Protein backbone atom coordinates (compact mmCIF):
# COMPACT_ATOMS: atom_id res chain seq x y z
CA UNK A 1 6.20 19.66 14.66
CA UNK A 2 7.65 16.24 15.36
CA UNK A 3 6.03 13.74 17.69
CA UNK A 4 8.79 14.37 20.22
CA UNK A 5 8.32 18.13 20.06
CA UNK A 6 4.60 17.63 20.74
CA UNK A 7 5.40 15.41 23.71
CA UNK A 8 3.59 12.38 22.32
CA UNK A 9 4.65 9.24 24.24
CA UNK A 10 7.44 11.16 25.96
CA UNK A 11 8.36 10.60 29.61
CA UNK A 12 8.32 7.56 31.88
CA UNK A 13 5.45 7.03 31.99
CA UNK A 14 4.40 9.29 29.13
CA UNK A 15 2.07 12.13 30.06
CA UNK A 16 0.59 12.31 26.56
CA UNK A 17 -0.45 8.92 25.15
CA UNK A 18 -2.13 8.01 21.89
CA UNK A 19 -5.87 7.35 21.50
CA UNK A 20 -6.49 3.82 20.18
CA UNK A 21 -9.68 5.01 18.49
CA UNK A 22 -7.84 7.68 16.47
CA UNK A 23 -4.16 6.72 16.41
CA UNK A 24 -4.04 7.06 12.60
CA UNK A 25 -5.14 10.72 12.67
CA UNK A 26 -3.05 13.77 13.51
CA UNK A 27 -1.29 14.45 15.72
CA UNK A 28 -1.11 10.92 17.20
CA UNK A 29 -0.06 9.37 13.89
CA UNK A 30 3.18 11.38 13.94
CA UNK A 31 4.30 8.86 16.57
CA UNK A 32 2.04 5.89 15.84
CA UNK A 33 3.07 5.18 12.25
CA UNK A 34 6.63 4.45 13.41
CA UNK A 35 5.63 2.38 16.47
CA UNK A 36 2.88 0.07 15.21
CA UNK A 37 4.08 -3.05 17.02
CA UNK A 38 3.85 -1.26 20.38
CA UNK A 39 0.04 -1.06 20.33
CA UNK A 40 -1.25 -3.40 17.58
CA UNK A 41 -0.73 -7.12 17.07
CA UNK A 42 1.75 -7.83 14.28
CA UNK A 43 3.08 -10.93 12.53
CA UNK A 44 6.75 -11.06 11.62
CA UNK A 45 7.86 -11.36 7.99
CA UNK A 46 11.32 -12.89 8.12
CA UNK A 47 14.01 -11.48 5.87
CA UNK A 48 15.77 -14.84 5.92
CA UNK A 49 19.45 -15.35 6.69
CA UNK A 50 21.12 -14.03 3.55
CA UNK A 51 23.10 -10.79 3.29
CA UNK A 52 21.37 -7.49 2.61
CA UNK A 53 21.39 -6.41 -1.03
CA UNK A 54 23.77 -3.44 -1.14
CA UNK A 55 22.82 -0.03 -2.47
CA UNK A 56 25.16 2.14 -4.48
CA UNK A 57 25.03 5.80 -3.38
CA UNK A 58 25.04 8.47 -6.08
CA UNK A 59 23.75 11.48 -4.14
CA UNK A 60 22.14 14.48 -5.79
CA UNK A 61 20.56 17.38 -3.93
CA UNK A 62 17.00 17.45 -5.22
CA UNK A 63 15.74 19.76 -2.45
CA UNK A 64 15.73 22.81 -4.71
CA UNK A 65 14.09 21.09 -7.69
CA UNK A 66 11.05 23.12 -8.68
CA UNK A 67 7.75 21.86 -10.02
CA UNK A 68 4.29 23.33 -10.44
CA UNK A 69 2.19 23.00 -7.31
CA UNK A 70 -1.53 22.34 -7.47
CA UNK A 71 -2.19 26.07 -7.70
CA UNK A 72 0.14 26.37 -10.68
CA UNK A 73 2.77 28.23 -8.65
CA UNK A 74 6.36 26.97 -8.41
CA UNK A 75 7.19 24.84 -5.39
CA UNK A 76 10.44 23.17 -4.36
CA UNK A 77 10.79 19.57 -3.28
CA UNK A 78 11.99 20.81 0.11
CA UNK A 79 8.79 22.85 0.58
CA UNK A 80 6.67 19.89 -0.48
CA UNK A 81 8.35 17.61 2.05
CA UNK A 82 7.43 19.96 4.89
CA UNK A 83 3.90 20.68 3.69
CA UNK A 84 3.04 16.99 3.29
CA UNK A 85 4.28 15.92 6.76
CA UNK A 86 6.98 13.72 5.29
CA UNK A 87 8.62 11.12 7.52
CA UNK A 88 10.94 9.73 4.85
CA UNK A 89 11.62 10.00 1.13
CA UNK A 90 13.98 7.94 -1.01
CA UNK A 91 14.67 8.25 -4.73
CA UNK A 92 16.32 5.45 -6.70
CA UNK A 93 17.64 6.09 -10.21
CA UNK A 94 19.00 3.08 -12.08
CA UNK A 95 18.93 1.30 -8.72
CA UNK A 96 21.20 3.85 -7.00
CA UNK A 97 20.12 5.97 -4.05
CA UNK A 98 20.29 9.52 -5.34
CA UNK A 99 18.21 11.24 -2.63
CA UNK A 100 17.23 10.12 0.87
CA UNK A 101 15.74 12.24 3.64
CA UNK A 102 14.30 11.45 7.07
CA UNK A 103 12.14 13.58 9.37
CA UNK A 104 10.13 13.33 12.56
CA UNK A 105 12.63 11.04 14.28
CA UNK A 106 12.57 8.41 11.54
CA UNK A 107 15.83 6.63 10.60
CA UNK A 108 16.85 4.05 7.97
CA UNK A 109 16.18 1.34 10.57
CA UNK A 110 12.67 2.54 11.47
CA UNK A 111 9.66 0.60 10.21
CA UNK A 112 6.70 2.70 9.06
CA UNK A 113 3.09 1.79 8.31
CA UNK A 114 2.35 1.54 4.58
CA UNK A 115 -1.43 1.98 4.81
CA UNK A 116 -2.89 1.16 1.37
CA UNK A 117 0.46 0.93 -0.36
CA UNK A 118 0.09 -2.51 1.25
CA UNK A 119 -2.54 -3.32 -1.39
CA UNK A 120 0.01 -3.11 -4.18
CA UNK A 121 2.46 -5.28 -2.23
CA UNK A 122 -0.32 -7.84 -1.74
CA UNK A 123 -1.30 -7.73 -5.42
CA UNK A 124 2.33 -8.32 -6.39
CA UNK A 125 2.56 -11.31 -4.06
CA UNK A 126 -0.55 -12.83 -5.64
CA UNK A 127 1.21 -12.86 -9.01
CA UNK A 128 3.54 -15.65 -7.91
CA UNK A 129 0.59 -17.93 -7.17
CA UNK A 130 -1.08 -16.99 -10.45
CA UNK A 131 2.11 -17.81 -12.37
CA UNK A 132 2.39 -21.17 -10.61
CA UNK A 133 -1.20 -22.04 -11.47
CA UNK A 134 -2.25 -22.17 -7.84
CA UNK A 135 -4.49 -19.09 -8.05
CA UNK A 136 -6.69 -18.82 -11.12
CA UNK A 137 -7.89 -15.27 -11.86
CA UNK A 138 -10.92 -16.55 -13.78
CA UNK A 139 -12.04 -18.82 -10.94
CA UNK A 140 -14.76 -17.91 -8.48
CA UNK A 141 -13.80 -16.70 -5.03
CA UNK A 142 -15.85 -19.59 -3.64
CA UNK A 143 -13.54 -22.09 -5.38
CA UNK A 144 -10.91 -21.17 -2.80
CA UNK A 145 -13.08 -19.82 0.03
CA UNK A 146 -16.21 -21.98 0.33
CA UNK A 147 -17.21 -19.86 3.33
CA UNK A 148 -18.14 -17.20 0.77
CA UNK A 149 -20.77 -19.46 -0.79
CA UNK A 150 -24.00 -17.51 -0.37
CA UNK A 151 -22.18 -14.41 0.90
CA UNK A 152 -24.03 -11.47 -0.66
CA UNK A 153 -21.03 -9.40 -1.77
CA UNK A 154 -18.33 -11.84 -2.84
CA UNK A 155 -20.24 -15.08 -3.33
CA UNK A 156 -20.55 -14.56 -7.09
CA UNK A 157 -17.32 -12.63 -7.71
CA UNK A 158 -14.21 -13.88 -9.48
CA UNK A 159 -10.62 -13.67 -8.34
CA UNK A 160 -9.90 -11.22 -11.18
CA UNK A 161 -12.68 -8.91 -10.00
CA UNK A 162 -11.18 -8.92 -6.51
CA UNK A 163 -7.69 -8.25 -7.91
CA UNK A 164 -8.90 -5.28 -9.95
CA UNK A 165 -11.52 -4.03 -7.46
CA UNK A 166 -14.34 -4.35 -9.95
CA UNK A 167 -16.54 -6.19 -7.47
CA UNK A 168 -19.92 -4.48 -7.17
CA UNK A 169 -20.33 -4.21 -3.41
CA UNK A 170 -21.89 -1.86 -0.90
CA UNK A 171 -18.80 -0.35 0.71
CA UNK A 172 -18.16 3.28 1.57
CA UNK A 173 -14.55 4.35 2.08
CA UNK A 174 -15.58 7.65 3.71
CA UNK A 175 -13.41 7.79 6.83
CA UNK A 176 -15.33 10.78 8.17
CA UNK A 177 -18.65 8.87 8.21
CA UNK A 178 -19.02 6.76 11.38
CA UNK A 179 -21.61 4.60 9.57
CA UNK A 180 -19.36 3.84 6.59
CA UNK A 181 -18.43 0.22 6.01
CA UNK A 182 -14.74 1.12 6.18
CA UNK A 183 -15.15 2.02 9.87
CA UNK A 184 -16.43 -1.46 10.74
CA UNK A 185 -13.78 -2.91 8.44
CA UNK A 186 -10.96 -1.22 10.34
CA UNK A 187 -12.46 -2.44 13.62
CA UNK A 188 -12.53 -6.01 12.30
CA UNK A 189 -8.77 -5.83 11.59
CA UNK A 190 -8.12 -5.08 15.30
CA UNK A 191 -7.13 -1.48 14.56
CA UNK A 192 -9.57 -0.08 17.13
CA UNK A 193 -9.17 -2.37 20.13
CA UNK A 194 -11.12 -5.39 21.35
CA UNK A 195 -14.23 -3.45 22.28
CA UNK A 196 -14.86 -2.22 18.74
CA UNK A 197 -17.63 -3.83 16.61
CA UNK A 198 -16.55 -6.96 14.70
CA UNK A 199 -13.18 -7.00 16.48
CA UNK A 200 -13.67 -10.42 18.03
CA UNK A 201 -15.08 -11.93 14.80
CA UNK A 202 -12.16 -10.75 12.66
CA UNK A 203 -11.74 -9.43 9.14
CA UNK A 204 -12.60 -12.65 7.29
CA UNK A 205 -15.92 -12.93 9.07
CA UNK A 206 -16.58 -9.28 8.27
CA UNK A 207 -15.88 -9.92 4.57
CA UNK A 208 -18.71 -12.47 4.43
CA UNK A 209 -21.22 -9.81 5.59
CA UNK A 210 -20.56 -7.33 2.75
CA UNK A 211 -23.65 -6.72 0.60
CA UNK A 212 -23.88 -6.75 -3.19
CA UNK A 213 -24.60 -3.49 -4.99
CA UNK A 214 -27.50 -4.58 -7.17
CA UNK A 215 -27.34 -1.49 -9.40
CA UNK A 216 -24.56 -2.97 -11.55
CA UNK A 217 -22.88 -6.34 -12.16
CA UNK A 218 -19.47 -7.43 -10.96
CA UNK A 219 -16.68 -6.57 -13.39
CA UNK A 220 -18.15 -3.37 -14.81
CA UNK A 221 -16.58 -0.55 -12.77
CA UNK A 222 -13.52 0.07 -10.63
CA UNK A 223 -14.68 0.87 -7.11
CA UNK A 224 -12.01 1.43 -4.51
CA UNK A 225 -12.99 -0.75 -1.55
CA UNK A 226 -10.31 -1.92 0.86
CA UNK A 227 -12.13 -5.11 1.82
CA UNK A 228 -11.23 -6.52 -1.61
CA UNK A 229 -7.59 -6.72 -0.60
CA UNK A 230 -8.34 -8.60 2.60
CA UNK A 231 -10.36 -11.09 0.54
CA UNK A 232 -7.28 -11.31 -1.71
CA UNK A 233 -5.16 -11.98 1.38
CA UNK A 234 -7.53 -14.82 2.28
CA UNK A 235 -7.26 -16.17 -1.28
CA UNK A 236 -3.45 -16.06 -1.01
CA UNK A 237 -3.57 -18.06 2.21
CA UNK A 238 -5.89 -20.69 0.73
CA UNK A 239 -3.95 -20.98 -2.55
CA UNK A 240 -0.53 -21.12 -0.86
CA UNK A 241 -1.52 -23.23 2.13
CA UNK A 242 0.40 -20.85 4.37
CA UNK A 243 -0.37 -17.95 6.66
CA UNK A 244 -0.03 -14.65 4.84
CA UNK A 245 3.10 -13.41 6.63
CA UNK A 246 4.86 -16.77 6.23
CA UNK A 247 4.10 -16.93 2.51
CA UNK A 248 5.24 -13.31 2.04
CA UNK A 249 8.53 -14.22 3.71
CA UNK A 250 9.02 -17.41 1.70
CA UNK A 251 8.03 -15.95 -1.67
CA UNK A 252 9.48 -12.41 -1.59
CA UNK A 253 10.99 -11.06 1.60
CA UNK A 254 13.59 -13.79 2.17
CA UNK A 255 14.85 -13.32 -1.42
CA UNK A 256 14.88 -9.53 -1.58
CA UNK A 257 18.01 -8.90 0.47
CA UNK A 258 16.09 -6.71 2.90
CA UNK A 259 17.92 -5.07 5.79
CA UNK A 260 15.13 -5.91 8.25
CA UNK A 261 12.31 -8.29 8.91
CA UNK A 262 8.98 -6.83 7.87
CA UNK A 263 5.77 -6.81 9.88
CA UNK A 264 2.06 -6.87 9.12
CA UNK A 265 -0.76 -6.16 11.53
CA UNK A 266 -3.13 -9.04 12.30
CA UNK A 267 -6.61 -9.29 13.75
CA UNK A 268 -7.47 -11.12 16.97
CA UNK A 269 -7.74 -14.40 15.06
CA UNK A 270 -4.38 -13.91 13.37
CA UNK A 271 -5.56 -12.85 9.89
CA UNK A 272 -3.32 -10.25 8.24
CA UNK A 273 -4.57 -6.79 7.31
CA UNK A 274 -3.42 -7.25 3.71
CA UNK A 275 -5.20 -4.03 2.73
CA UNK A 276 -3.11 -1.66 4.84
CA UNK A 277 -1.08 -3.35 7.53
CA UNK A 278 2.45 -3.77 6.15
CA UNK A 279 5.13 -2.11 8.31
CA UNK A 280 8.50 -1.77 6.54
CA UNK A 281 11.58 0.41 6.43
CA UNK A 282 12.01 3.00 3.69
CA UNK A 283 15.02 1.30 2.12
CA UNK A 284 13.40 -2.13 2.14
CA UNK A 285 10.28 -0.83 0.42
CA UNK A 286 12.62 0.88 -2.06
CA UNK A 287 14.19 -2.53 -2.77
CA UNK A 288 10.71 -3.94 -3.38
CA UNK A 289 9.91 -1.01 -5.70
CA UNK A 290 13.12 -1.46 -7.66
CA UNK A 291 12.23 -5.13 -8.08
CA UNK A 292 8.89 -4.13 -9.59
CA UNK A 293 10.61 -1.58 -11.86
CA UNK A 294 12.99 -4.33 -13.02
CA UNK A 295 10.17 -6.69 -14.05
CA UNK A 296 10.34 -8.70 -10.84
CA UNK A 297 14.13 -9.24 -10.91
CA UNK A 298 16.21 -8.20 -7.92
CA UNK A 299 19.14 -9.43 -5.83
CA UNK A 300 20.33 -11.64 -8.71
CA UNK A 301 17.08 -13.58 -9.02
CA UNK A 302 13.63 -13.48 -10.60
CA UNK A 303 11.37 -13.01 -7.58
CA UNK A 304 8.11 -11.98 -9.28
CA UNK A 305 7.24 -13.40 -12.72
CA UNK A 306 8.01 -10.79 -15.37
CA UNK A 307 4.68 -11.51 -16.99
CA UNK A 308 2.85 -10.38 -13.85
CA UNK A 309 4.52 -6.97 -13.97
CA UNK A 310 3.58 -6.71 -17.65
CA UNK A 311 0.02 -7.65 -16.73
CA UNK A 312 -0.06 -4.79 -14.22
CA UNK A 313 1.28 -2.28 -16.72
CA UNK A 314 -0.57 -3.22 -19.89
CA UNK A 315 -3.70 -5.31 -19.28
CA UNK A 316 -6.04 -3.10 -17.27
CA UNK A 317 -9.60 -2.10 -18.13
CA UNK A 318 -9.81 1.59 -18.99
CA UNK A 319 -13.60 1.40 -19.39
CA UNK A 320 -13.92 0.35 -15.73
CA UNK A 321 -11.71 3.35 -14.78
CA UNK A 322 -13.69 5.95 -16.72
CA UNK A 323 -16.52 6.54 -14.19
CA UNK A 324 -14.01 7.39 -11.43
CA UNK A 325 -12.35 10.71 -10.61
CA UNK A 326 -8.96 9.20 -11.52
CA UNK A 327 -9.94 9.34 -15.20
CA UNK A 328 -9.96 13.13 -14.97
CA UNK A 329 -6.26 13.03 -14.03
CA UNK A 330 -5.13 10.10 -16.19
CA UNK A 331 -7.75 9.57 -18.93
CA UNK A 332 -6.03 6.51 -20.40
CA UNK A 333 -5.26 4.85 -17.07
CA UNK A 334 -6.60 1.86 -15.19
CA UNK A 335 -6.35 -0.13 -11.95
CA UNK A 336 -4.78 -3.57 -12.29
CA UNK A 337 -3.70 -6.14 -9.71
CA UNK A 338 -3.99 -3.53 -6.92
CA UNK A 339 -1.78 -0.97 -8.73
CA UNK A 340 -2.71 2.38 -10.33
CA UNK A 341 -1.44 2.74 -13.90
CA UNK A 342 -1.40 6.26 -15.37
CA UNK A 343 -0.68 5.40 -19.02
CA UNK A 344 1.07 8.77 -19.20
CA UNK A 345 3.86 9.39 -21.70
CA UNK A 346 6.38 7.78 -19.32
CA UNK A 347 4.28 4.74 -18.45
CA UNK A 348 4.27 5.71 -14.77
CA UNK A 349 2.43 3.55 -12.26
CA UNK A 350 2.04 3.88 -8.53
CA UNK A 351 0.78 2.73 -5.16
CA UNK A 352 -0.84 5.10 -2.69
CA UNK A 353 -2.09 5.03 0.88
CA UNK A 354 -3.96 7.45 3.08
CA UNK A 355 -2.03 9.96 5.15
CA UNK A 356 0.49 10.26 2.30
CA UNK A 357 2.16 6.90 1.64
CA UNK A 358 3.51 6.43 -1.89
CA UNK A 359 5.43 4.32 -4.36
CA UNK A 360 5.99 6.02 -7.73
CA UNK A 361 7.63 4.10 -10.58
CA UNK A 362 8.74 5.70 -13.85
CA UNK A 363 9.97 3.02 -16.29
CA UNK A 364 11.13 5.57 -18.88
CA UNK A 365 13.68 7.25 -16.60
CA UNK A 366 14.19 4.11 -14.49
CA UNK A 367 13.21 5.88 -11.30
CA UNK A 368 11.53 4.45 -8.20
CA UNK A 369 10.42 6.73 -5.37
CA UNK A 370 9.03 5.83 -1.94
CA UNK A 371 7.49 8.37 0.42
CA UNK A 372 6.28 7.87 3.99
CA UNK A 373 4.20 10.59 5.61
CA UNK A 374 1.93 11.28 8.56
CA UNK A 375 -0.62 13.70 7.15
CA UNK A 376 -3.10 14.56 9.92
CA UNK A 377 -6.17 13.92 7.73
CA UNK A 378 -6.47 10.43 6.25
CA UNK A 379 -7.99 11.27 2.87
CA UNK A 380 -6.16 14.57 2.31
CA UNK A 381 -6.62 14.48 -1.46
CA UNK A 382 -4.89 17.80 -2.07
CA UNK A 383 -1.64 16.88 -0.33
CA UNK A 384 -1.71 13.34 -1.70
CA UNK A 385 -2.04 14.80 -5.21
CA UNK A 386 0.80 17.20 -4.39
CA UNK A 387 2.95 14.18 -3.62
CA UNK A 388 2.08 12.70 -7.03
CA UNK A 389 3.04 15.95 -8.77
CA UNK A 390 6.34 16.13 -6.93
CA UNK A 391 7.29 12.51 -7.57
CA UNK A 392 6.36 12.80 -11.23
CA UNK A 393 8.58 15.89 -11.50
CA UNK A 394 11.45 14.21 -9.66
CA UNK A 395 11.29 11.15 -11.90
CA UNK A 396 11.12 13.29 -15.04
CA UNK A 397 14.20 15.29 -13.93
CA UNK A 398 16.32 12.28 -14.91
CA UNK A 399 15.04 12.38 -18.49
CA UNK A 400 17.92 12.45 -20.93
């Protein structure tokens, strides 16, 4: 059911409102993910004053395309879209829109929360500073953020370890555990209201409290921990000398030919939630994805250094990936610069966020896919994996 059909935020005043403590869970997220600026603080990411980069339309009906579901039984793309609570899906092939669908009241002009797809956007932004020599991956975090000097978790970590999430920190990403560090982390980003723990102190202050995992050194193992990306956001601010949203606008968004300004949620001190807070339209994120597919070139200009895209695709640490469950799916893969790289036979790489947010890029068939969803359970691994299977099949359908 759509948010409107469930009566969420319908009426004047609405009789069924969202719960600020659980707005990202079902069913409230069916409405919330498309209305972030109505209940969270956001910073604007200006698109600039130039014209929007046009899309060529080359429509194909992919609804009936079949692929093997997780149980090995055939499933169509249309069935997958319903099962995974899709809000929007767009498929670009050779830069053309070949398939575009909207659900749950979403339109081409609607911004949607990216959740942890934001991490890959942030990691891509960092590449500009690295290329310019303003952010050194081999430097210590404390070289840019002296406030981290003596901080137990990040005080002895390098920028590269933050980029690749190989910091050895005590951080549980278990959303169902009220004691997990990720719960306090979300509160510090102002996602749970002013009365939540750490809300007044903000996300940067929270980052300085993270403990070191003494069982292993930094740099040895990939450990998915969202706080890394907010530390990266802080590094971007220090290296650029600008607030995160302003630098994102100046470096990428004002050059991309986006249709709309972007947004990113901010804490009560104005720090951006670089780990999950981007709010963008489907077509604009597709433009960003096509830029990544095209080695950082889009809208007649080199926006991201080509070498940074190559670094994402080819320079990861497979040994650090091996202890994780991802290695069971993609044994040769790795995590690099906040992107997942499969090292499959098509060289596919992707971004993923809870509740079913995706970017899937297939360089072999020159396909870029973006999917927005509002799965009721945050870490619904089965339906997230179903999205991967579907997008892989869609991208492979263009194989010559």
